[in-house]
Protein backbone atom coordinates (compact mmCIF):
# COMPACT_ATOMS: atom_id res chain seq x y z
CA MET A 1 -11.25 -6.56 -25.55
CA ALA A 2 -10.60 -4.78 -22.25
CA GLY A 3 -10.94 -8.05 -20.35
CA GLY A 4 -8.50 -9.81 -22.64
CA ALA A 5 -6.03 -6.94 -22.41
CA LEU A 6 -6.25 -6.98 -18.60
CA ALA A 7 -5.67 -10.75 -18.49
CA LEU A 8 -2.69 -10.43 -20.84
CA TRP A 9 -1.21 -7.66 -18.66
CA CYS A 10 -1.52 -9.99 -15.66
CA ILE A 11 0.20 -12.85 -17.49
CA LEU A 12 3.06 -10.55 -18.49
CA ALA A 13 3.42 -9.37 -14.87
CA PHE A 14 3.57 -12.99 -13.71
CA ALA A 15 6.29 -13.76 -16.27
CA THR A 16 8.45 -10.67 -15.80
CA VAL A 17 8.04 -9.76 -12.12
CA GLY A 18 6.91 -13.07 -10.64
CA GLU A 19 9.30 -15.16 -12.73
CA GLY A 20 6.61 -17.74 -13.43
CA THR A 21 3.20 -18.19 -14.98
CA PRO A 22 -0.43 -18.37 -13.80
CA ALA A 23 -0.29 -22.14 -14.32
CA PRO A 24 -0.08 -24.30 -11.17
CA PHE A 25 2.83 -26.29 -12.63
CA ASP A 26 4.95 -23.10 -12.99
CA PRO A 27 3.71 -20.60 -10.38
CA PRO A 28 5.41 -17.24 -9.80
CA ARG A 29 8.47 -17.43 -7.58
CA ARG A 30 7.94 -13.86 -6.34
CA LEU A 31 4.72 -12.23 -5.14
CA VAL A 32 3.37 -9.96 -7.87
CA VAL A 33 2.00 -6.68 -6.46
CA VAL A 34 2.60 -4.34 -9.41
CA GLY A 35 0.61 -3.42 -12.50
CA PRO A 36 -3.05 -4.33 -12.10
CA TYR A 37 -2.22 -6.25 -8.90
CA ARG A 38 -1.49 -2.90 -7.31
CA TYR A 39 -5.20 -2.08 -7.30
CA VAL A 40 -6.94 -5.44 -6.87
CA ARG A 41 -5.69 -8.89 -5.83
CA ASN A 42 -7.43 -10.84 -8.60
CA PRO A 43 -7.32 -8.81 -11.81
CA MET A 44 -6.86 -11.82 -14.08
CA TYR A 45 -10.21 -13.25 -12.99
CA ILE A 46 -11.80 -9.83 -13.39
CA GLY A 47 -10.38 -9.67 -16.92
CA ALA A 48 -11.87 -13.07 -17.72
CA GLY A 49 -15.23 -11.94 -16.31
CA LEU A 50 -15.13 -8.78 -18.42
CA ALA A 51 -14.37 -10.87 -21.50
CA LEU A 52 -17.42 -13.05 -20.73
CA VAL A 53 -19.62 -9.96 -20.31
CA GLY A 54 -18.34 -8.64 -23.64
CA ALA A 55 -19.04 -11.94 -25.38
CA ALA A 56 -22.54 -12.11 -23.86
CA ILE A 57 -23.30 -8.60 -25.10
CA PHE A 58 -21.76 -9.19 -28.53
CA TYR A 59 -23.71 -12.41 -29.08
CA GLY A 60 -26.82 -11.27 -27.18
CA SER A 61 -26.56 -14.46 -25.14
CA LEU A 62 -28.37 -14.94 -21.86
CA PRO A 63 -26.77 -18.38 -21.36
CA LEU A 64 -23.35 -16.70 -21.44
CA LEU A 65 -24.52 -14.33 -18.71
CA GLY A 66 -25.62 -17.37 -16.71
CA TYR A 67 -22.21 -18.90 -17.27
CA LEU A 68 -20.67 -15.65 -16.02
CA GLY A 69 -22.61 -16.03 -12.76
CA LEU A 70 -21.31 -19.59 -12.32
CA PHE A 71 -17.80 -18.47 -13.22
CA LEU A 72 -17.90 -15.70 -10.60
CA LEU A 73 -19.16 -18.05 -7.86
CA ALA A 74 -16.62 -20.75 -8.68
CA THR A 75 -13.79 -18.24 -8.92
CA HIS A 76 -14.64 -16.67 -5.58
CA ALA A 77 -14.75 -20.09 -3.90
CA PHE A 78 -11.43 -21.08 -5.49
CA VAL A 79 -9.75 -17.83 -4.39
CA VAL A 80 -11.03 -18.02 -0.80
CA TRP A 81 -10.54 -21.74 -0.16
CA TYR A 82 -7.44 -22.54 -2.21
CA GLU A 83 -5.56 -19.61 -3.68
CA GLU A 84 -5.37 -17.31 -0.65
CA PRO A 85 -4.31 -20.06 1.79
CA THR A 86 -1.70 -21.24 -0.71
CA LEU A 87 -0.30 -17.74 -1.21
CA THR A 88 -0.23 -17.21 2.55
CA ARG A 89 1.72 -20.44 2.96
CA LEU A 90 4.15 -19.54 0.15
CA PHE A 91 4.70 -15.84 0.84
CA GLY A 92 3.73 -15.51 4.52
CA GLN A 93 3.78 -12.04 6.02
CA GLN A 94 4.45 -10.43 2.64
CA TYR A 95 1.13 -11.75 1.31
CA ARG A 96 -0.75 -10.91 4.53
CA ALA A 97 0.50 -7.31 4.31
CA TYR A 98 -0.62 -7.22 0.67
CA GLN A 99 -4.07 -8.48 1.70
CA THR A 100 -4.46 -5.59 4.13
CA ARG A 101 -3.47 -3.01 1.48
CA VAL A 102 -5.31 -4.35 -1.57
CA ARG A 103 -8.89 -5.60 -1.82
CA ARG A 104 -9.80 -8.95 -3.29
CA TRP A 105 -12.29 -7.78 -5.97
CA ARG A 106 -13.00 -4.03 -5.77
CA PRO A 107 -10.16 -1.60 -6.43
CA ARG A 108 -9.46 1.05 -3.83
CA PHE A 109 -8.18 4.11 -5.62
CA SER A 110 -6.66 6.88 -3.57
CA LEU A 111 -4.45 9.90 -4.01
CA ARG A 112 -1.53 7.79 -2.77
CA ASP A 113 -2.12 5.29 -5.59
CA SER A 114 -1.97 7.94 -8.29
CA ARG A 115 1.37 9.29 -6.96
CA GLY A 116 2.84 5.80 -6.95
CA ALA A 117 3.46 5.67 -3.21
CA ALA A 118 1.37 2.59 -2.45
CA GLY A 119 2.03 -1.05 -3.10
């Protein structure tokens, strides 16, 4: 459930702040760096991965865990080779600055984050 909630939060951020959707045919018009994107650059994929872990545990399914591994590899490749270059092209220096502040997969929590001063 946590993974689904995280993914839904991301979709809502895309719609309200980014003025678009996660879909390639209607991408956000503004760079989204709030909500879960404040802590990690790819929270929607993390939410999907958490949902897969939850399903694998719920069903006791090793094949679903194997699928999770493939999902993580494919997602990482997609992010590195397509998504990041595309976002750099679309948002330029704004996205590059975001990349230096926020990690791709692992959140970086700090005292600044909790006071709302970062990102």
